[in-house]
PDB file of N, CA and C in Angstrom:
ATOM      1  N   UNK A   1      10.137 -12.802 -17.915  1.00  0.00           N
ATOM      2  CA  UNK A   1       9.530 -12.097 -16.546  1.00  0.00           C
ATOM      3  C   UNK A   1       8.870 -10.942 -16.720  1.00  0.00           C
ATOM      4  N   UNK A   2       8.274 -10.535 -16.420  1.00  0.00           N
ATOM      5  CA  UNK A   2       7.346  -9.364 -16.670  1.00  0.00           C
ATOM      6  C   UNK A   2       7.450  -8.079 -15.231  1.00  0.00           C
ATOM      7  N   UNK A   3       7.689  -7.394 -15.185  1.00  0.00           N
ATOM      8  CA  UNK A   3       7.208  -6.623 -13.584  1.00  0.00           C
ATOM      9  C   UNK A   3       5.732  -5.887 -13.689  1.00  0.00           C
ATOM     10  N   UNK A   4       5.531  -5.505 -15.264  1.00  0.00           N
ATOM     11  CA  UNK A   4       4.649  -4.622 -15.128  1.00  0.00           C
ATOM     12  C   UNK A   4       3.847  -4.987 -14.332  1.00  0.00           C
ATOM     13  N   UNK A   5       2.820  -6.456 -14.424  1.00  0.00           N
ATOM     14  CA  UNK A   5       1.894  -6.661 -13.256  1.00  0.00           C
ATOM     15  C   UNK A   5       2.487  -6.264 -11.526  1.00  0.00           C
ATOM     16  N   UNK A   6       3.790  -6.304 -11.462  1.00  0.00           N
ATOM     17  CA  UNK A   6       3.650  -5.793 -10.231  1.00  0.00           C
ATOM     18  C   UNK A   6       3.609  -4.481 -10.400  1.00  0.00           C
ATOM     19  N   UNK A   7       4.080  -4.055 -10.903  1.00  0.00           N
ATOM     20  CA  UNK A   7       4.142  -1.873 -10.811  1.00  0.00           C
ATOM     21  C   UNK A   7       2.565  -1.859 -10.507  1.00  0.00           C
ATOM     22  N   UNK A   8       1.604  -2.513 -11.609  1.00  0.00           N
ATOM     23  CA  UNK A   8       0.351  -1.921 -11.548  1.00  0.00           C
ATOM     24  C   UNK A   8      -0.135  -2.155 -10.033  1.00  0.00           C
ATOM     25  N   UNK A   9      -0.053  -3.329  -9.480  1.00  0.00           N
ATOM     26  CA  UNK A   9      -0.341  -4.284  -8.490  1.00  0.00           C
ATOM     27  C   UNK A   9       0.389  -2.760  -7.521  1.00  0.00           C
ATOM     28  N   UNK A  10       1.294  -2.599  -7.375  1.00  0.00           N
ATOM     29  CA  UNK A  10       2.068  -1.702  -6.417  1.00  0.00           C
ATOM     30  C   UNK A  10       0.961  -0.143  -6.590  1.00  0.00           C
ATOM     31  N   UNK A  11       0.838   0.302  -7.858  1.00  0.00           N
ATOM     32  CA  UNK A  11       0.124   1.617  -7.799  1.00  0.00           C
ATOM     33  C   UNK A  11      -1.169   1.306  -7.448  1.00  0.00           C
ATOM     34  N   UNK A  12      -2.114   0.106  -7.065  1.00  0.00           N
ATOM     35  CA  UNK A  12      -3.321  -0.163  -6.852  1.00  0.00           C
ATOM     36  C   UNK A  12      -3.408   0.205  -5.176  1.00  0.00           C
ATOM     37  N   UNK A  13      -2.280  -0.508  -4.743  1.00  0.00           N
ATOM     38  CA  UNK A  13      -2.289  -0.709  -3.354  1.00  0.00           C
ATOM     39  C   UNK A  13      -1.690   0.574  -2.682  1.00  0.00           C
ATOM     40  N   UNK A  14      -1.094   1.483  -3.523  1.00  0.00           N
ATOM     41  CA  UNK A  14      -0.049   2.850  -3.410  1.00  0.00           C
ATOM     42  C   UNK A  14      -1.715   3.754  -3.008  1.00  0.00           C
ATOM     43  N   UNK A  15      -2.617   3.636  -4.133  1.00  0.00           N
ATOM     44  CA  UNK A  15      -3.713   4.218  -4.446  1.00  0.00           C
ATOM     45  C   UNK A  15      -4.985   4.118  -3.248  1.00  0.00           C
ATOM     46  N   UNK A  16      -4.814   3.067  -2.833  1.00  0.00           N
ATOM     47  CA  UNK A  16      -5.723   2.449  -1.264  1.00  0.00           C
ATOM     48  C   UNK A  16      -5.456   2.939  -0.207  1.00  0.00           C
ATOM     49  N   UNK A  17      -4.119   3.114   0.003  1.00  0.00           N
ATOM     50  CA  UNK A  17      -3.679   3.832   1.115  1.00  0.00           C
ATOM     51  C   UNK A  17      -3.484   5.226   1.248  1.00  0.00           C
ATOM     52  N   UNK A  18      -3.523   5.442   0.011  1.00  0.00           N
ATOM     53  CA  UNK A  18      -3.748   7.068   0.160  1.00  0.00           C
ATOM     54  C   UNK A  18      -5.417   7.540   0.089  1.00  0.00           C
ATOM     55  N   UNK A  19      -6.409   6.453   0.008  1.00  0.00           N
ATOM     56  CA  UNK A  19      -7.422   7.265   0.455  1.00  0.00           C
ATOM     57  C   UNK A  19      -7.829   6.538   1.435  1.00  0.00           C
ATOM     58  N   UNK A  20      -7.574   5.808   2.509  1.00  0.00           N
ATOM     59  CA  UNK A  20      -7.372   5.541   3.696  1.00  0.00           C
ATOM     60  C   UNK A  20      -6.713   6.607   4.389  1.00  0.00           C
ATOM     61  N   UNK A  21      -5.830   7.161   3.752  1.00  0.00           N
ATOM     62  CA  UNK A  21      -5.379   8.152   4.374  1.00  0.00           C
ATOM     63  C   UNK A  21      -6.105   9.663   4.390  1.00  0.00           C
ATOM     64  N   UNK A  22      -6.547   9.843   3.550  1.00  0.00           N
ATOM     65  CA  UNK A  22      -7.579  10.858   3.363  1.00  0.00           C
ATOM     66  C   UNK A  22      -8.646  10.559   4.136  1.00  0.00           C
ATOM     67  N   UNK A  23      -9.231   9.205   4.467  1.00  0.00           N
ATOM     68  CA  UNK A  23     -10.537   9.143   5.127  1.00  0.00           C
ATOM     69  C   UNK A  23      -9.942   9.524   6.816  1.00  0.00           C
ATOM     70  N   UNK A  24      -8.772   9.178   6.776  1.00  0.00           N
ATOM     71  CA  UNK A  24      -8.373   9.058   8.556  1.00  0.00           C
ATOM     72  C   UNK A  24      -8.195  10.830   8.578  1.00  0.00           C
ATOM     73  N   UNK A  25      -7.591  11.545   7.453  1.00  0.00           N
ATOM     74  CA  UNK A  25      -7.859  12.941   7.658  1.00  0.00           C
ATOM     75  C   UNK A  25      -9.186  13.574   8.010  1.00  0.00           C
ATOM     76  N   UNK A  26      -9.733  12.588   7.443  1.00  0.00           N
ATOM     77  CA  UNK A  26     -11.066  13.707   7.259  1.00  0.00           C
ATOM     78  C   UNK A  26     -11.564  13.199   8.465  1.00  0.00           C
ATOM     79  N   UNK A  27     -11.302  12.405   9.374  1.00  0.00           N
ATOM     80  CA  UNK A  27     -12.515  11.927  10.316  1.00  0.00           C
ATOM     81  C   UNK A  27     -11.299  12.626  11.808  1.00  0.00           C
ATOM     82  N   UNK A  28     -10.360  12.463  11.744  1.00  0.00           N
ATOM     83  CA  UNK A  28      -9.141  13.268  12.245  1.00  0.00           C
ATOM     84  C   UNK A  28      -9.685  14.973  12.561  1.00  0.00           C
ATOM     85  N   UNK A  29     -10.110  15.712  11.245  1.00  0.00           N
ATOM     86  CA  UNK A  29     -10.659  17.056  11.591  1.00  0.00           C
ATOM     87  C   UNK A  29     -11.193  17.120  11.582  1.00  0.00           C
ATOM     88  N   UNK A  30     -12.802  16.248  12.077  1.00  0.00           N
ATOM     89  CA  UNK A  30     -13.728  16.311  12.311  1.00  0.00           C
ATOM     90  C   UNK A  30     -13.939  15.925  14.429  1.00  0.00           C
ATOM     91  N   UNK A  31     -13.107  14.917  14.387  1.00  0.00           N
ATOM     92  CA  UNK A  31     -13.042  15.136  16.090  1.00  0.00           C
ATOM     93  C   UNK A  31     -12.748  16.260  16.767  1.00  0.00           C
ATOM     94  N   UNK A  32     -11.856  17.222  16.048  1.00  0.00           N
ATOM     95  CA  UNK A  32     -12.263  18.926  17.379  1.00  0.00           C
ATOM     96  C   UNK A  32     -13.238  19.024  17.369  1.00  0.00           C
ATOM     97  N   UNK A  33     -14.397  18.743  16.542  1.00  0.00           N
ATOM     98  CA  UNK A  33     -15.569  19.311  17.286  1.00  0.00           C
ATOM     99  C   UNK A  33     -16.244  18.065  18.008  1.00  0.00           C
ATOM    100  N   UNK A  34     -16.761  18.234  19.160  1.00  0.00           N
ATOM    101  CA  UNK A  34     -17.287  17.267  20.426  1.00  0.00           C
ATOM    102  C   UNK A  34     -18.377  16.770  19.846  1.00  0.00           C
ATOM    103  N   UNK A  35     -18.815  17.382  18.447  1.00  0.00           N
ATOM    104  CA  UNK A  35     -19.988  16.970  18.486  1.00  0.00           C
ATOM    105  C   UNK A  35     -19.975  15.459  17.636  1.00  0.00           C
ATOM    106  N   UNK A  36     -18.704  15.610  16.820  1.00  0.00           N
ATOM    107  CA  UNK A  36     -18.463  14.434  16.217  1.00  0.00           C
ATOM    108  C   UNK A  36     -17.516  13.429  16.815  1.00  0.00           C
ATOM    109  N   UNK A  37     -17.391  12.971  18.142  1.00  0.00           N
ATOM    110  CA  UNK A  37     -16.463  12.283  18.656  1.00  0.00           C
ATOM    111  C   UNK A  37     -16.970  11.000  19.055  1.00  0.00           C
ATOM    112  N   UNK A  38     -18.189  10.310  18.080  1.00  0.00           N
ATOM    113  CA  UNK A  38     -18.779   8.816  17.945  1.00  0.00           C
ATOM    114  C   UNK A  38     -17.518   8.344  16.428  1.00  0.00           C
ATOM    115  N   UNK A  39     -16.709   9.070  15.698  1.00  0.00           N
ATOM    116  CA  UNK A  39     -16.254   8.815  14.609  1.00  0.00           C
ATOM    117  C   UNK A  39     -14.962   8.008  15.253  1.00  0.00           C
ATOM    118  N   UNK A  40     -14.745   8.564  16.344  1.00  0.00           N
ATOM    119  CA  UNK A  40     -12.818   7.958  17.275  1.00  0.00           C
ATOM    120  C   UNK A  40     -12.841   6.762  16.431  1.00  0.00           C
ATOM    121  N   UNK A  41     -14.013   5.748  16.521  1.00  0.00           N
ATOM    122  CA  UNK A  41     -13.634   4.419  15.888  1.00  0.00           C
ATOM    123  C   UNK A  41     -13.140   4.245  14.599  1.00  0.00           C
ATOM    124  N   UNK A  42     -13.629   5.520  13.933  1.00  0.00           N
ATOM    125  CA  UNK A  42     -13.300   5.168  12.170  1.00  0.00           C
ATOM    126  C   UNK A  42     -11.913   5.353  11.551  1.00  0.00           C
ATOM    127  N   UNK A  43     -11.283   6.334  13.015  1.00  0.00           N
ATOM    128  CA  UNK A  43      -9.973   6.161  12.623  1.00  0.00           C
ATOM    129  C   UNK A  43      -9.068   4.827  12.619  1.00  0.00           C
ATOM    130  N   UNK A  44      -9.850   4.301  13.838  1.00  0.00           N
ATOM    131  CA  UNK A  44      -8.927   2.839  14.402  1.00  0.00           C
ATOM    132  C   UNK A  44      -9.156   1.953  12.635  1.00  0.00           C
ATOM    133  N   UNK A  45     -10.524   1.940  12.272  1.00  0.00           N
ATOM    134  CA  UNK A  45     -10.623   1.260  11.401  1.00  0.00           C
ATOM    135  C   UNK A  45     -10.192   1.278   9.722  1.00  0.00           C
ATOM    136  N   UNK A  46     -10.185   2.388   9.818  1.00  0.00           N
ATOM    137  CA  UNK A  46      -9.404   2.912   8.462  1.00  0.00           C
ATOM    138  C   UNK A  46      -7.867   2.390   8.606  1.00  0.00           C
ATOM    139  N   UNK A  47      -7.129   2.471   9.839  1.00  0.00           N
ATOM    140  CA  UNK A  47      -5.659   2.469  10.662  1.00  0.00           C
ATOM    141  C   UNK A  47      -5.227   0.571   9.725  1.00  0.00           C
ATOM    142  N   UNK A  48      -6.647   0.087  10.625  1.00  0.00           N
ATOM    143  CA  UNK A  48      -6.319  -1.524  10.243  1.00  0.00           C
ATOM    144  C   UNK A  48      -6.746  -1.972   8.882  1.00  0.00           C
ATOM    145  N   UNK A  49      -7.470  -1.022   7.912  1.00  0.00           N
ATOM    146  CA  UNK A  49      -8.055  -1.547   6.740  1.00  0.00           C
ATOM    147  C   UNK A  49      -6.460  -0.885   5.646  1.00  0.00           C
ATOM    148  N   UNK A  50      -5.676  -0.143   6.026  1.00  0.00           N
ATOM    149  CA  UNK A  50      -4.483  -0.114   5.428  1.00  0.00           C
ATOM    150  C   UNK A  50      -3.206  -1.496   5.507  1.00  0.00           C
ATOM    151  N   UNK A  51      -3.404  -2.011   7.101  1.00  0.00           N
ATOM    152  CA  UNK A  51      -2.372  -3.508   6.807  1.00  0.00           C
ATOM    153  C   UNK A  51      -2.520  -3.855   5.564  1.00  0.00           C
ATOM    154  N   UNK A  52      -3.440  -4.658   4.886  1.00  0.00           N
ATOM    155  CA  UNK A  52      -3.233  -5.465   3.952  1.00  0.00           C
ATOM    156  C   UNK A  52      -2.909  -4.557   2.721  1.00  0.00           C
ATOM    157  N   UNK A  53      -2.998  -3.660   2.602  1.00  0.00           N
ATOM    158  CA  UNK A  53      -2.696  -2.659   1.522  1.00  0.00           C
ATOM    159  C   UNK A  53      -0.677  -2.614   1.227  1.00  0.00           C
ATOM    160  N   UNK A  54      -0.296  -2.310   2.457  1.00  0.00           N
ATOM    161  CA  UNK A  54       0.681  -2.148   3.049  1.00  0.00           C
ATOM    162  C   UNK A  54       1.853  -3.582   2.917  1.00  0.00           C
ATOM    163  N   UNK A  55       0.920  -4.617   3.204  1.00  0.00           N
ATOM    164  CA  UNK A  55       1.676  -5.734   2.855  1.00  0.00           C
ATOM    165  C   UNK A  55       1.378  -6.254   1.171  1.00  0.00           C
ATOM    166  N   UNK A  56       0.506  -6.209   1.070  1.00  0.00           N
ATOM    167  CA  UNK A  56       0.524  -6.862  -0.407  1.00  0.00           C
ATOM    168  C   UNK A  56       2.017  -5.251  -1.209  1.00  0.00           C
ATOM    169  N   UNK A  57       1.830  -4.065  -1.262  1.00  0.00           N
ATOM    170  CA  UNK A  57       2.610  -3.340  -1.592  1.00  0.00           C
ATOM    171  C   UNK A  57       4.100  -3.400  -1.211  1.00  0.00           C
ATOM    172  N   UNK A  58       4.080  -3.844  -0.156  1.00  0.00           N
ATOM    173  CA  UNK A  58       6.111  -4.536   0.420  1.00  0.00           C
ATOM    174  C   UNK A  58       5.794  -5.991  -0.654  1.00  0.00           C
ATOM    175  N   UNK A  59       5.011  -6.886  -0.996  1.00  0.00           N
ATOM    176  CA  UNK A  59       5.284  -8.382  -1.573  1.00  0.00           C
ATOM    177  C   UNK A  59       5.491  -8.006  -3.110  1.00  0.00           C
ATOM    178  N   UNK A  60       4.396  -7.115  -3.489  1.00  0.00           N
ATOM    179  CA  UNK A  60       4.705  -6.343  -4.538  1.00  0.00           C
ATOM    180  C   UNK A  60       6.177  -5.942  -5.375  1.00  0.00           C
ATOM    181  N   UNK A  61       6.844  -5.081  -4.421  1.00  0.00           N
ATOM    182  CA  UNK A  61       7.857  -4.716  -4.150  1.00  0.00           C
ATOM    183  C   UNK A  61       9.363  -5.589  -4.236  1.00  0.00           C
ATOM    184  N   UNK A  62       9.018  -6.886  -3.237  1.00  0.00           N
ATOM    185  CA  UNK A  62      10.126  -7.453  -3.119  1.00  0.00           C
ATOM    186  C   UNK A  62       9.916  -8.548  -4.408  1.00  0.00           C
ATOM    187  N   UNK A  63       9.266  -8.823  -4.827  1.00  0.00           N
ATOM    188  CA  UNK A  63       8.643  -9.774  -6.302  1.00  0.00           C
ATOM    189  C   UNK A  63       9.366  -9.336  -7.384  1.00  0.00           C
ATOM    190  N   UNK A  64       9.308  -7.950  -7.415  1.00  0.00           N
ATOM    191  CA  UNK A  64      10.414  -7.228  -8.311  1.00  0.00           C
ATOM    192  C   UNK A  64      11.927  -7.194  -8.537  1.00  0.00           C
ATOM    193  N   UNK A  65      12.317  -7.153  -7.164  1.00  0.00           N
ATOM    194  CA  UNK A  65      13.506  -7.183  -6.438  1.00  0.00           C
ATOM    195  C   UNK A  65      13.851  -8.398  -7.137  1.00  0.00           C
ATOM    196  N   UNK A  66      12.830  -9.677  -6.556  1.00  0.00           N
ATOM    197  CA  UNK A  66      13.639 -11.116  -6.872  1.00  0.00           C
ATOM    198  C   UNK A  66      13.535 -11.141  -8.448  1.00  0.00           C
ATOM    199  N   UNK A  67      12.534 -10.685  -9.144  1.00  0.00           N
ATOM    200  CA  UNK A  67      12.820 -10.676 -10.664  1.00  0.00           C
ATOM    201  C   UNK A  67      14.138 -10.254 -11.234  1.00  0.00           C
ATOM    202  N   UNK A  68      14.278  -9.033 -10.423  1.00  0.00           N
ATOM    203  CA  UNK A  68      15.755  -8.527 -11.379  1.00  0.00           C
ATOM    204  C   UNK A  68      16.993  -9.219 -10.590  1.00  0.00           C
ATOM    205  N   UNK A  69      17.020  -9.750  -9.930  1.00  0.00           N
ATOM    206  CA  UNK A  69      17.903 -10.233  -9.435  1.00  0.00           C
ATOM    207  C   UNK A  69      18.249 -11.825 -10.568  1.00  0.00           C
ATOM    208  N   UNK A  70      16.684 -12.052 -10.363  1.00  0.00           N
ATOM    209  CA  UNK A  70      17.002 -13.364 -11.817  1.00  0.00           C
ATOM    210  C   UNK A  70      17.388 -13.104 -12.925  1.00  0.00           C
ATOM    211  N   UNK A  71      17.246 -11.772 -13.488  1.00  0.00           N
ATOM    212  CA  UNK A  71      16.978 -11.337 -14.871  1.00  0.00           C
ATOM    213  C   UNK A  71      18.626 -11.127 -15.010  1.00  0.00           C
ATOM    214  N   UNK A  72      19.508 -10.815 -13.814  1.00  0.00           N
ATOM    215  CA  UNK A  72      20.754 -10.357 -13.802  1.00  0.00           C
ATOM    216  C   UNK A  72      21.997 -11.778 -13.846  1.00  0.00           C
ATOM    217  N   UNK A  73      21.074 -12.896 -12.631  1.00  0.00           N
ATOM    218  CA  UNK A  73      21.491 -14.275 -13.341  1.00  0.00           C
ATOM    219  C   UNK A  73      21.763 -14.897 -14.754  1.00  0.00           C
ATOM    220  N   UNK A  74      20.617 -14.587 -15.242  1.00  0.00           N
ATOM    221  CA  UNK A  74      20.017 -15.132 -16.445  1.00  0.00           C
ATOM    222  C   UNK A  74      21.079 -14.701 -17.480  1.00  0.00           C
ATOM    223  N   UNK A  75      21.281 -13.301 -17.376  1.00  0.00           N
ATOM    224  CA  UNK A  75      22.316 -12.575 -18.366  1.00  0.00           C
ATOM    225  C   UNK A  75      23.727 -12.852 -17.824  1.00  0.00           C
ATOM    226  N   UNK A  76      24.219 -13.046 -16.753  1.00  0.00           N
ATOM    227  CA  UNK A  76      25.473 -13.580 -16.107  1.00  0.00           C
ATOM    228  C   UNK A  76      25.672 -15.016 -16.865  1.00  0.00           C
ATOM    229  N   UNK A  77      24.559 -15.732 -16.904  1.00  0.00           N
ATOM    230  CA  UNK A  77      24.953 -17.221 -17.569  1.00  0.00           C
ATOM    231  C   UNK A  77      24.794 -17.143 -19.101  1.00  0.00           C
ATOM    232  N   UNK A  78      24.192 -16.270 -19.593  1.00  0.00           N
ATOM    233  CA  UNK A  78      24.361 -15.953 -21.460  1.00  0.00           C
ATOM    234  C   UNK A  78      25.441 -15.290 -21.463  1.00  0.00           C
ATOM    235  N   UNK A  79      26.431 -14.566 -20.831  1.00  0.00           N
ATOM    236  CA  UNK A  79      27.540 -13.734 -20.855  1.00  0.00           C
ATOM    237  C   UNK A  79      28.558 -14.802 -20.857  1.00  0.00           C
TER     238      UNK A  79
END
């Protein structure tokens, strides 16, 4: 069992979440100017876009946890 694939996927998800958060911050900064009020929908779409990445990140973390437990059990059986 290797966790490097899971770690790579977690890093990818974290980068997507960070990019989405950056986009939200950009939109939020422009909303202060009345001229850019039409971008309010962009915040909602960016927040919704984060959901699959958060779920994927949590799934990869759980997979690493399960792999760790399985490895511990295998080592216990060997001992």
